[in-house]
Amino acid sequence: MTQVISANRLVDGRVVYLSADGSWGEAIDAARLFATANETEAGLAAAQEDVARNLIIDPFLVGVAFSGGLLRAGSLRDEIRARGPTVGYAPTSISGASAAKRS
């Protein structure tokens, strides 16, 4: 199973993913893909170095697959971490908020 490494950035708590260049970014689509046990072990070891440097906290593996041209997390929890809530939760405009109150 293909996996990526996710964590939370220590400075602001944001969900981040380990990218191919070793940096941490917020887009799962830019995450480095790990296909073998040796690759994931090396990736997690690198992530632990960033834990020691106080850049991230709690790195872990996330199973992923391509669907509709997008990299998707294998679980709903991780998909929400990657893409946000699964429902529209806020109006997109002030007028939309007013209309919602009247309904």
PDB file of N, CA and C in Angstrom:
ATOM      1  N   MET A   1       0.839  -1.187   0.000  1.00  0.00           N
ATOM      2  CA  MET A   1       0.000   0.000   0.000  1.00  0.00           C
ATOM      3  C   MET A   1       0.880   1.246   0.000  1.00  0.00           C
ATOM      4  N   THR A   2       0.527   2.190  -0.816  1.00  0.00           N
ATOM      5  CA  THR A   2       1.256   3.453  -0.878  1.00  0.00           C
ATOM      6  C   THR A   2       0.870   4.302   0.325  1.00  0.00           C
ATOM      7  N   GLN A   3       1.871   4.969   0.907  1.00  0.00           N
ATOM      8  CA  GLN A   3       1.635   5.783   2.095  1.00  0.00           C
ATOM      9  C   GLN A   3       2.354   7.117   1.992  1.00  0.00           C
ATOM     10  N   VAL A   4       1.889   8.072   2.792  1.00  0.00           N
ATOM     11  CA  VAL A   4       2.581   9.341   2.993  1.00  0.00           C
ATOM     12  C   VAL A   4       2.779   9.503   4.492  1.00  0.00           C
ATOM     13  N   ILE A   5       3.620  10.456   4.866  1.00  0.00           N
ATOM     14  CA  ILE A   5       3.829  10.735   6.287  1.00  0.00           C
ATOM     15  C   ILE A   5       3.191  12.074   6.608  1.00  0.00           C
ATOM     16  N   SER A   6       2.350  12.062   7.633  1.00  0.00           N
ATOM     17  CA  SER A   6       1.671  13.272   8.087  1.00  0.00           C
ATOM     18  C   SER A   6       2.097  13.569   9.518  1.00  0.00           C
ATOM     19  N   ALA A   7       1.949  14.819   9.908  1.00  0.00           N
ATOM     20  CA  ALA A   7       2.250  15.256  11.270  1.00  0.00           C
ATOM     21  C   ALA A   7       1.521  16.575  11.486  1.00  0.00           C
ATOM     22  N   ASN A   8       1.762  17.179  12.626  1.00  0.00           N
ATOM     23  CA  ASN A   8       1.282  18.534  12.874  1.00  0.00           C
ATOM     24  C   ASN A   8       2.491  19.428  13.069  1.00  0.00           C
ATOM     25  N   ARG A   9       2.452  20.595  12.427  1.00  0.00           N
ATOM     26  CA  ARG A   9       3.534  21.566  12.558  1.00  0.00           C
ATOM     27  C   ARG A   9       3.443  22.166  13.955  1.00  0.00           C
ATOM     28  N   LEU A  10       4.558  22.234  14.645  1.00  0.00           N
ATOM     29  CA  LEU A  10       4.568  22.670  16.035  1.00  0.00           C
ATOM     30  C   LEU A  10       4.248  24.148  16.198  1.00  0.00           C
ATOM     31  N   VAL A  11       4.664  24.980  15.270  1.00  0.00           N
ATOM     32  CA  VAL A  11       4.495  26.420  15.427  1.00  0.00           C
ATOM     33  C   VAL A  11       3.031  26.862  15.349  1.00  0.00           C
ATOM     34  N   ASP A  12       2.203  26.127  14.565  1.00  0.00           N
ATOM     35  CA  ASP A  12       0.811  26.564  14.415  1.00  0.00           C
ATOM     36  C   ASP A  12      -0.210  25.426  14.469  1.00  0.00           C
ATOM     37  N   GLY A  13       0.243  24.193  14.628  1.00  0.00           N
ATOM     38  CA  GLY A  13      -0.664  23.063  14.752  1.00  0.00           C
ATOM     39  C   GLY A  13      -1.252  22.549  13.453  1.00  0.00           C
ATOM     40  N   ARG A  14      -0.886  23.150  12.315  1.00  0.00           N
ATOM     41  CA  ARG A  14      -1.460  22.750  11.025  1.00  0.00           C
ATOM     42  C   ARG A  14      -1.035  21.333  10.646  1.00  0.00           C
ATOM     43  N   VAL A  15      -1.917  20.650   9.923  1.00  0.00           N
ATOM     44  CA  VAL A  15      -1.604  19.335   9.370  1.00  0.00           C
ATOM     45  C   VAL A  15      -0.598  19.533   8.244  1.00  0.00           C
ATOM     46  N   VAL A  16       0.472  18.745   8.266  1.00  0.00           N
ATOM     47  CA  VAL A  16       1.505  18.836   7.231  1.00  0.00           C
ATOM     48  C   VAL A  16       1.885  17.439   6.755  1.00  0.00           C
ATOM     49  N   TYR A  17       2.506  17.411   5.571  1.00  0.00           N
ATOM     50  CA  TYR A  17       2.928  16.165   4.936  1.00  0.00           C
ATOM     51  C   TYR A  17       4.381  16.305   4.506  1.00  0.00           C
ATOM     52  N   LEU A  18       5.137  15.223   4.667  1.00  0.00           N
ATOM     53  CA  LEU A  18       6.537  15.212   4.253  1.00  0.00           C
ATOM     54  C   LEU A  18       6.606  15.192   2.733  1.00  0.00           C
ATOM     55  N   SER A  19       7.325  16.148   2.157  1.00  0.00           N
ATOM     56  CA  SER A  19       7.448  16.214   0.695  1.00  0.00           C
ATOM     57  C   SER A  19       8.761  15.569   0.248  1.00  0.00           C
ATOM     58  N   ALA A  20       8.916  15.418  -1.055  1.00  0.00           N
ATOM     59  CA  ALA A  20      10.089  14.738  -1.618  1.00  0.00           C
ATOM     60  C   ALA A  20      11.391  15.441  -1.266  1.00  0.00           C
ATOM     61  N   ASP A  21      11.358  16.765  -1.090  1.00  0.00           N
ATOM     62  CA  ASP A  21      12.585  17.501  -0.770  1.00  0.00           C
ATOM     63  C   ASP A  21      12.886  17.533   0.729  1.00  0.00           C
ATOM     64  N   GLY A  22      12.067  16.842   1.532  1.00  0.00           N
ATOM     65  CA  GLY A  22      12.303  16.775   2.972  1.00  0.00           C
ATOM     66  C   GLY A  22      11.643  17.875   3.769  1.00  0.00           C
ATOM     67  N   SER A  23      10.979  18.801   3.099  1.00  0.00           N
ATOM     68  CA  SER A  23      10.268  19.860   3.815  1.00  0.00           C
ATOM     69  C   SER A  23       8.860  19.371   4.165  1.00  0.00           C
ATOM     70  N   TRP A  24       8.158  20.159   4.962  1.00  0.00           N
ATOM     71  CA  TRP A  24       6.799  19.836   5.372  1.00  0.00           C
ATOM     72  C   TRP A  24       5.850  20.843   4.745  1.00  0.00           C
ATOM     73  N   GLY A  25       4.856  20.342   4.025  1.00  0.00           N
ATOM     74  CA  GLY A  25       3.892  21.212   3.364  1.00  0.00           C
ATOM     75  C   GLY A  25       2.472  20.823   3.725  1.00  0.00           C
ATOM     76  N   GLU A  26       1.540  21.731   3.477  1.00  0.00           N
ATOM     77  CA  GLU A  26       0.145  21.508   3.853  1.00  0.00           C
ATOM     78  C   GLU A  26      -0.659  20.735   2.814  1.00  0.00           C
ATOM     79  N   ALA A  27      -0.141  20.537   1.613  1.00  0.00           N
ATOM     80  CA  ALA A  27      -0.893  19.868   0.542  1.00  0.00           C
ATOM     81  C   ALA A  27      -0.542  18.384   0.464  1.00  0.00           C
ATOM     82  N   ILE A  28      -1.531  17.540   0.651  1.00  0.00           N
ATOM     83  CA  ILE A  28      -1.296  16.096   0.543  1.00  0.00           C
ATOM     84  C   ILE A  28      -0.865  15.728  -0.872  1.00  0.00           C
ATOM     85  N   ASP A  29      -1.330  16.489  -1.864  1.00  0.00           N
ATOM     86  CA  ASP A  29      -0.974  16.203  -3.258  1.00  0.00           C
ATOM     87  C   ASP A  29       0.520  16.366  -3.533  1.00  0.00           C
ATOM     88  N   ALA A  30       1.220  17.120  -2.695  1.00  0.00           N
ATOM     89  CA  ALA A  30       2.655  17.339  -2.872  1.00  0.00           C
ATOM     90  C   ALA A  30       3.494  16.431  -1.967  1.00  0.00           C
ATOM     91  N   ALA A  31       2.833  15.526  -1.251  1.00  0.00           N
ATOM     92  CA  ALA A  31       3.542  14.653  -0.316  1.00  0.00           C
ATOM     93  C   ALA A  31       4.366  13.605  -1.054  1.00  0.00           C
ATOM     94  N   ARG A  32       5.466  13.225  -0.434  1.00  0.00           N
ATOM     95  CA  ARG A  32       6.291  12.135  -0.967  1.00  0.00           C
ATOM     96  C   ARG A  32       5.545  10.826  -0.765  1.00  0.00           C
ATOM     97  N   LEU A  33       5.548   9.984  -1.781  1.00  0.00           N
ATOM     98  CA  LEU A  33       4.893   8.680  -1.707  1.00  0.00           C
ATOM     99  C   LEU A  33       5.896   7.615  -1.289  1.00  0.00           C
ATOM    100  N   PHE A  34       5.504   6.788  -0.337  1.00  0.00           N
ATOM    101  CA  PHE A  34       6.334   5.691   0.154  1.00  0.00           C
ATOM    102  C   PHE A  34       5.654   4.380  -0.221  1.00  0.00           C
ATOM    103  N   ALA A  35       6.373   3.512  -0.934  1.00  0.00           N
ATOM    104  CA  ALA A  35       5.771   2.274  -1.432  1.00  0.00           C
ATOM    105  C   ALA A  35       6.280   1.021  -0.727  1.00  0.00           C
ATOM    106  N   THR A  36       7.444   1.092  -0.086  1.00  0.00           N
ATOM    107  CA  THR A  36       8.014  -0.104   0.544  1.00  0.00           C
ATOM    108  C   THR A  36       8.251   0.133   2.029  1.00  0.00           C
ATOM    109  N   ALA A  37       8.432  -0.966   2.752  1.00  0.00           N
ATOM    110  CA  ALA A  37       8.703  -0.877   4.188  1.00  0.00           C
ATOM    111  C   ALA A  37      10.011  -0.134   4.456  1.00  0.00           C
ATOM    112  N   ASN A  38      11.038  -0.375   3.644  1.00  0.00           N
ATOM    113  CA  ASN A  38      12.318   0.315   3.831  1.00  0.00           C
ATOM    114  C   ASN A  38      12.171   1.816   3.635  1.00  0.00           C
ATOM    115  N   GLU A  39      11.395   2.213   2.615  1.00  0.00           N
ATOM    116  CA  GLU A  39      11.168   3.644   2.375  1.00  0.00           C
ATOM    117  C   GLU A  39      10.427   4.286   3.543  1.00  0.00           C
ATOM    118  N   THR A  40       9.393   3.611   4.042  1.00  0.00           N
ATOM    119  CA  THR A  40       8.624   4.204   5.144  1.00  0.00           C
ATOM    120  C   THR A  40       9.465   4.301   6.411  1.00  0.00           C
ATOM    121  N   GLU A  41      10.294   3.294   6.669  1.00  0.00           N
ATOM    122  CA  GLU A  41      11.175   3.350   7.842  1.00  0.00           C
ATOM    123  C   GLU A  41      12.125   4.537   7.745  1.00  0.00           C
ATOM    124  N   ALA A  42      12.712   4.739   6.573  1.00  0.00           N
ATOM    125  CA  ALA A  42      13.629   5.869   6.378  1.00  0.00           C
ATOM    126  C   ALA A  42      12.880   7.197   6.502  1.00  0.00           C
ATOM    127  N   GLY A  43      11.682   7.261   5.954  1.00  0.00           N
ATOM    128  CA  GLY A  43      10.885   8.482   6.049  1.00  0.00           C
ATOM    129  C   GLY A  43      10.504   8.808   7.481  1.00  0.00           C
ATOM    130  N   LEU A  44      10.094   7.795   8.234  1.00  0.00           N
ATOM    131  CA  LEU A  44       9.745   8.025   9.639  1.00  0.00           C
ATOM    132  C   LEU A  44      10.971   8.412  10.463  1.00  0.00           C
ATOM    133  N   ALA A  45      12.135   7.855  10.141  1.00  0.00           N
ATOM    134  CA  ALA A  45      13.369   8.240  10.837  1.00  0.00           C
ATOM    135  C   ALA A  45      13.682   9.710  10.574  1.00  0.00           C
ATOM    136  N   ALA A  46      13.517  10.148   9.328  1.00  0.00           N
ATOM    137  CA  ALA A  46      13.735  11.564   8.997  1.00  0.00           C
ATOM    138  C   ALA A  46      12.723  12.440   9.726  1.00  0.00           C
ATOM    139  N   ALA A  47      11.490  11.972   9.805  1.00  0.00           N
ATOM    140  CA  ALA A  47      10.457  12.734  10.514  1.00  0.00           C
ATOM    141  C   ALA A  47      10.802  12.861  11.995  1.00  0.00           C
ATOM    142  N   GLN A  48      11.347  11.803  12.585  1.00  0.00           N
ATOM    143  CA  GLN A  48      11.722  11.865  13.999  1.00  0.00           C
ATOM    144  C   GLN A  48      12.834  12.888  14.240  1.00  0.00           C
ATOM    145  N   GLU A  49      13.700  13.074  13.252  1.00  0.00           N
ATOM    146  CA  GLU A  49      14.718  14.127  13.371  1.00  0.00           C
ATOM    147  C   GLU A  49      14.054  15.501  13.444  1.00  0.00           C
ATOM    148  N   ASP A  50      12.981  15.693  12.671  1.00  0.00           N
ATOM    149  CA  ASP A  50      12.264  16.968  12.714  1.00  0.00           C
ATOM    150  C   ASP A  50      11.470  17.130  14.006  1.00  0.00           C
ATOM    151  N   VAL A  51      11.053  16.009  14.611  1.00  0.00           N
ATOM    152  CA  VAL A  51      10.440  16.072  15.942  1.00  0.00           C
ATOM    153  C   VAL A  51      11.480  16.587  16.933  1.00  0.00           C
ATOM    154  N   ALA A  52      12.692  16.038  16.872  1.00  0.00           N
ATOM    155  CA  ALA A  52      13.771  16.454  17.776  1.00  0.00           C
ATOM    156  C   ALA A  52      14.148  17.919  17.572  1.00  0.00           C
ATOM    157  N   ARG A  53      13.959  18.427  16.336  1.00  0.00           N
ATOM    158  CA  ARG A  53      14.262  19.834  16.038  1.00  0.00           C
ATOM    159  C   ARG A  53      13.075  20.756  16.339  1.00  0.00           C
ATOM    160  N   ASN A  54      12.010  20.188  16.930  1.00  0.00           N
ATOM    161  CA  ASN A  54      10.803  20.947  17.290  1.00  0.00           C
ATOM    162  C   ASN A  54      10.118  21.606  16.097  1.00  0.00           C
ATOM    163  N   LEU A  55      10.133  20.909  14.944  1.00  0.00           N
ATOM    164  CA  LEU A  55       9.420  21.402  13.765  1.00  0.00           C
ATOM    165  C   LEU A  55       8.022  20.811  13.669  1.00  0.00           C
ATOM    166  N   ILE A  56       7.902  19.524  14.029  1.00  0.00           N
ATOM    167  CA  ILE A  56       6.624  18.814  13.937  1.00  0.00           C
ATOM    168  C   ILE A  56       6.419  17.971  15.182  1.00  0.00           C
ATOM    169  N   ILE A  57       5.210  17.428  15.291  1.00  0.00           N
ATOM    170  CA  ILE A  57       4.902  16.507  16.383  1.00  0.00           C
ATOM    171  C   ILE A  57       4.058  15.358  15.837  1.00  0.00           C
ATOM    172  N   ASP A  58       4.256  14.189  16.380  1.00  0.00           N
ATOM    173  CA  ASP A  58       3.435  13.015  16.118  1.00  0.00           C
ATOM    174  C   ASP A  58       3.354  12.594  14.652  1.00  0.00           C
ATOM    175  N   PRO A  59       4.490  12.337  13.990  1.00  0.00           N
ATOM    176  CA  PRO A  59       4.422  11.858  12.604  1.00  0.00           C
ATOM    177  C   PRO A  59       3.852  10.441  12.537  1.00  0.00           C
ATOM    178  N   PHE A  60       3.069  10.187  11.504  1.00  0.00           N
ATOM    179  CA  PHE A  60       2.484   8.863  11.324  1.00  0.00           C
ATOM    180  C   PHE A  60       2.215   8.610   9.846  1.00  0.00           C
ATOM    181  N   LEU A  61       2.035   7.339   9.510  1.00  0.00           N
ATOM    182  CA  LEU A  61       1.790   6.942   8.126  1.00  0.00           C
ATOM    183  C   LEU A  61       0.309   7.041   7.793  1.00  0.00           C
ATOM    184  N   VAL A  62       0.037   7.485   6.572  1.00  0.00           N
ATOM    185  CA  VAL A  62      -1.331   7.579   6.066  1.00  0.00           C
ATOM    186  C   VAL A  62      -1.392   6.809   4.750  1.00  0.00           C
ATOM    187  N   GLY A  63      -2.257   5.817   4.689  1.00  0.00           N
ATOM    188  CA  GLY A  63      -2.466   5.095   3.440  1.00  0.00           C
ATOM    189  C   GLY A  63      -3.171   5.996   2.440  1.00  0.00           C
ATOM    190  N   VAL A  64      -2.726   5.972   1.192  1.00  0.00           N
ATOM    191  CA  VAL A  64      -3.295   6.835   0.157  1.00  0.00           C
ATOM    192  C   VAL A  64      -3.493   6.054  -1.140  1.00  0.00           C
ATOM    193  N   ALA A  65      -4.338   6.605  -2.003  1.00  0.00           N
ATOM    194  CA  ALA A  65      -4.559   6.056  -3.342  1.00  0.00           C
ATOM    195  C   ALA A  65      -5.027   7.192  -4.236  1.00  0.00           C
ATOM    196  N   PHE A  66      -4.801   7.045  -5.530  1.00  0.00           N
ATOM    197  CA  PHE A  66      -5.276   8.048  -6.480  1.00  0.00           C
ATOM    198  C   PHE A  66      -6.721   7.745  -6.844  1.00  0.00           C
ATOM    199  N   SER A  67      -7.550   8.788  -6.847  1.00  0.00           N
ATOM    200  CA  SER A  67      -8.956   8.667  -7.214  1.00  0.00           C
ATOM    201  C   SER A  67      -9.374   9.949  -7.915  1.00  0.00           C
ATOM    202  N   GLY A  68      -9.845   9.827  -9.132  1.00  0.00           N
ATOM    203  CA  GLY A  68     -10.262  11.012  -9.880  1.00  0.00           C
ATOM    204  C   GLY A  68      -9.128  11.987 -10.117  1.00  0.00           C
ATOM    205  N   GLY A  69      -7.905  11.475 -10.224  1.00  0.00           N
ATOM    206  CA  GLY A  69      -6.747  12.326 -10.463  1.00  0.00           C
ATOM    207  C   GLY A  69      -6.191  13.001  -9.224  1.00  0.00           C
ATOM    208  N   LEU A  70      -6.814  12.768  -8.065  1.00  0.00           N
ATOM    209  CA  LEU A  70      -6.341  13.351  -6.810  1.00  0.00           C
ATOM    210  C   LEU A  70      -5.798  12.266  -5.896  1.00  0.00           C
ATOM    211  N   LEU A  71      -4.829  12.639  -5.087  1.00  0.00           N
ATOM    212  CA  LEU A  71      -4.319  11.741  -4.066  1.00  0.00           C
ATOM    213  C   LEU A  71      -5.285  11.797  -2.891  1.00  0.00           C
ATOM    214  N   ARG A  72      -5.871  10.680  -2.545  1.00  0.00           N
ATOM    215  CA  ARG A  72      -6.870  10.614  -1.478  1.00  0.00           C
ATOM    216  C   ARG A  72      -6.360   9.763  -0.322  1.00  0.00           C
ATOM    217  N   ALA A  73      -6.646  10.215   0.899  1.00  0.00           N
ATOM    218  CA  ALA A  73      -6.310   9.444   2.087  1.00  0.00           C
ATOM    219  C   ALA A  73      -7.230   8.234   2.169  1.00  0.00           C
ATOM    220  N   GLY A  74      -6.732   7.157   2.749  1.00  0.00           N
ATOM    221  CA  GLY A  74      -7.487   5.915   2.819  1.00  0.00           C
ATOM    222  C   GLY A  74      -8.582   5.885   3.859  1.00  0.00           C
ATOM    223  N   SER A  75      -8.550   6.781   4.833  1.00  0.00           N
ATOM    224  CA  SER A  75      -9.596   6.807   5.857  1.00  0.00           C
ATOM    225  C   SER A  75     -10.289   8.165   5.845  1.00  0.00           C
ATOM    226  N   LEU A  76     -11.531   8.186   6.298  1.00  0.00           N
ATOM    227  CA  LEU A  76     -12.279   9.444   6.356  1.00  0.00           C
ATOM    228  C   LEU A  76     -11.574  10.446   7.271  1.00  0.00           C
ATOM    229  N   ARG A  77     -11.066   9.980   8.392  1.00  0.00           N
ATOM    230  CA  ARG A  77     -10.363  10.868   9.325  1.00  0.00           C
ATOM    231  C   ARG A  77      -9.209  11.585   8.626  1.00  0.00           C
ATOM    232  N   ASP A  78      -8.405  10.820   7.906  1.00  0.00           N
ATOM    233  CA  ASP A  78      -7.245  11.417   7.247  1.00  0.00           C
ATOM    234  C   ASP A  78      -7.639  12.248   6.031  1.00  0.00           C
ATOM    235  N   GLU A  79      -8.744  11.904   5.382  1.00  0.00           N
ATOM    236  CA  GLU A  79      -9.236  12.729   4.277  1.00  0.00           C
ATOM    237  C   GLU A  79      -9.718  14.086   4.807  1.00  0.00           C
ATOM    238  N   ILE A  80     -10.367  14.093   5.967  1.00  0.00           N
ATOM    239  CA  ILE A  80     -10.779  15.356   6.596  1.00  0.00           C
ATOM    240  C   ILE A  80      -9.549  16.163   6.993  1.00  0.00           C
ATOM    241  N   ARG A  81      -8.524  15.500   7.525  1.00  0.00           N
ATOM    242  CA  ARG A  81      -7.281  16.214   7.854  1.00  0.00           C
ATOM    243  C   ARG A  81      -6.670  16.848   6.608  1.00  0.00           C
ATOM    244  N   ALA A  82      -6.777  16.149   5.467  1.00  0.00           N
ATOM    245  CA  ALA A  82      -6.160  16.627   4.227  1.00  0.00           C
ATOM    246  C   ALA A  82      -6.987  17.693   3.521  1.00  0.00           C
ATOM    247  N   ARG A  83      -8.290  17.530   3.489  1.00  0.00           N
ATOM    248  CA  ARG A  83      -9.140  18.378   2.642  1.00  0.00           C
ATOM    249  C   ARG A  83     -10.136  19.237   3.405  1.00  0.00           C
ATOM    250  N   GLY A  84     -10.301  18.990   4.705  1.00  0.00           N
ATOM    251  CA  GLY A  84     -11.260  19.776   5.472  1.00  0.00           C
ATOM    252  C   GLY A  84     -12.587  19.048   5.627  1.00  0.00           C
ATOM    253  N   PRO A  85     -13.554  19.718   6.240  1.00  0.00           N
ATOM    254  CA  PRO A  85     -14.855  19.095   6.517  1.00  0.00           C
ATOM    255  C   PRO A  85     -15.514  18.543   5.253  1.00  0.00           C
ATOM    256  N   THR A  86     -16.366  17.558   5.447  1.00  0.00           N
ATOM    257  CA  THR A  86     -17.026  16.905   4.320  1.00  0.00           C
ATOM    258  C   THR A  86     -18.335  17.578   3.931  1.00  0.00           C
ATOM    259  N   VAL A  87     -18.728  18.610   4.652  1.00  0.00           N
ATOM    260  CA  VAL A  87     -19.952  19.355   4.332  1.00  0.00           C
ATOM    261  C   VAL A  87     -19.622  20.833   4.286  1.00  0.00           C
ATOM    262  N   GLY A  88     -20.435  21.601   3.544  1.00  0.00           N
ATOM    263  CA  GLY A  88     -20.290  23.048   3.583  1.00  0.00           C
ATOM    264  C   GLY A  88     -20.793  23.535   4.934  1.00  0.00           C
ATOM    265  N   TYR A  89     -19.972  24.176   5.704  1.00  0.00           N
ATOM    266  CA  TYR A  89     -20.355  24.559   7.055  1.00  0.00           C
ATOM    267  C   TYR A  89     -20.474  26.059   7.257  1.00  0.00           C
ATOM    268  N   ALA A  90     -20.180  26.844   6.251  1.00  0.00           N
ATOM    269  CA  ALA A  90     -20.270  28.293   6.407  1.00  0.00           C
ATOM    270  C   ALA A  90     -20.717  28.905   5.085  1.00  0.00           C
ATOM    271  N   PRO A  91     -21.550  29.950   5.146  1.00  0.00           N
ATOM    272  CA  PRO A  91     -21.943  30.627   3.909  1.00  0.00           C
ATOM    273  C   PRO A  91     -20.730  31.235   3.221  1.00  0.00           C
ATOM    274  N   THR A  92     -20.807  31.339   1.909  1.00  0.00           N
ATOM    275  CA  THR A  92     -19.683  31.890   1.157  1.00  0.00           C
ATOM    276  C   THR A  92     -19.743  33.400   1.048  1.00  0.00           C
ATOM    277  N   SER A  93     -20.861  33.998   1.470  1.00  0.00           N
ATOM    278  CA  SER A  93     -20.978  35.452   1.403  1.00  0.00           C
ATOM    279  C   SER A  93     -21.881  35.948   2.522  1.00  0.00           C
ATOM    280  N   ILE A  94     -21.841  37.245   2.762  1.00  0.00           N
ATOM    281  CA  ILE A  94     -22.710  37.859   3.769  1.00  0.00           C
ATOM    282  C   ILE A  94     -24.173  37.666   3.382  1.00  0.00           C
ATOM    283  N   SER A  95     -24.512  37.846   2.114  1.00  0.00           N
ATOM    284  CA  SER A  95     -25.900  37.676   1.681  1.00  0.00           C
ATOM    285  C   SER A  95     -26.356  36.234   1.892  1.00  0.00           C
ATOM    286  N   GLY A  96     -25.453  35.287   1.716  1.00  0.00           N
ATOM    287  CA  GLY A  96     -25.787  33.891   1.979  1.00  0.00           C
ATOM    288  C   GLY A  96     -26.088  33.654   3.443  1.00  0.00           C
ATOM    289  N   ALA A  97     -25.382  34.344   4.325  1.00  0.00           N
ATOM    290  CA  ALA A  97     -25.621  34.214   5.759  1.00  0.00           C
ATOM    291  C   ALA A  97     -26.983  34.782   6.118  1.00  0.00           C
ATOM    292  N   SER A  98     -27.350  35.905   5.533  1.00  0.00           N
ATOM    293  CA  SER A  98     -28.653  36.516   5.810  1.00  0.00           C
ATOM    294  C   SER A  98     -29.778  35.616   5.338  1.00  0.00           C
ATOM    295  N   ALA A  99     -29.631  35.037   4.161  1.00  0.00           N
ATOM    296  CA  ALA A  99     -30.655  34.141   3.625  1.00  0.00           C
ATOM    297  C   ALA A  99     -30.794  32.898   4.492  1.00  0.00           C
ATOM    298  N   ALA A 100     -29.684  32.405   5.003  1.00  0.00           N
ATOM    299  CA  ALA A 100     -29.718  31.217   5.847  1.00  0.00           C
ATOM    300  C   ALA A 100     -30.462  31.494   7.143  1.00  0.00           C
ATOM    301  N   LYS A 101     -30.324  32.692   7.707  1.00  0.00           N
ATOM    302  CA  LYS A 101     -31.013  33.042   8.949  1.00  0.00           C
ATOM    303  C   LYS A 101     -32.520  33.120   8.745  1.00  0.00           C
ATOM    304  N   ARG A 102     -32.958  33.574   7.570  1.00  0.00           N
ATOM    305  CA  ARG A 102     -34.382  33.722   7.296  1.00  0.00           C
ATOM    306  C   ARG A 102     -35.059  32.385   7.032  1.00  0.00           C
ATOM    307  N   SER A 103     -34.303  31.391   6.650  1.00  0.00           N
ATOM    308  CA  SER A 103     -34.907  30.096   6.278  1.00  0.00           C
ATOM    309  C   SER A 103     -35.419  29.346   7.472  1.00  0.00           C
TER     310      SER A 103
END
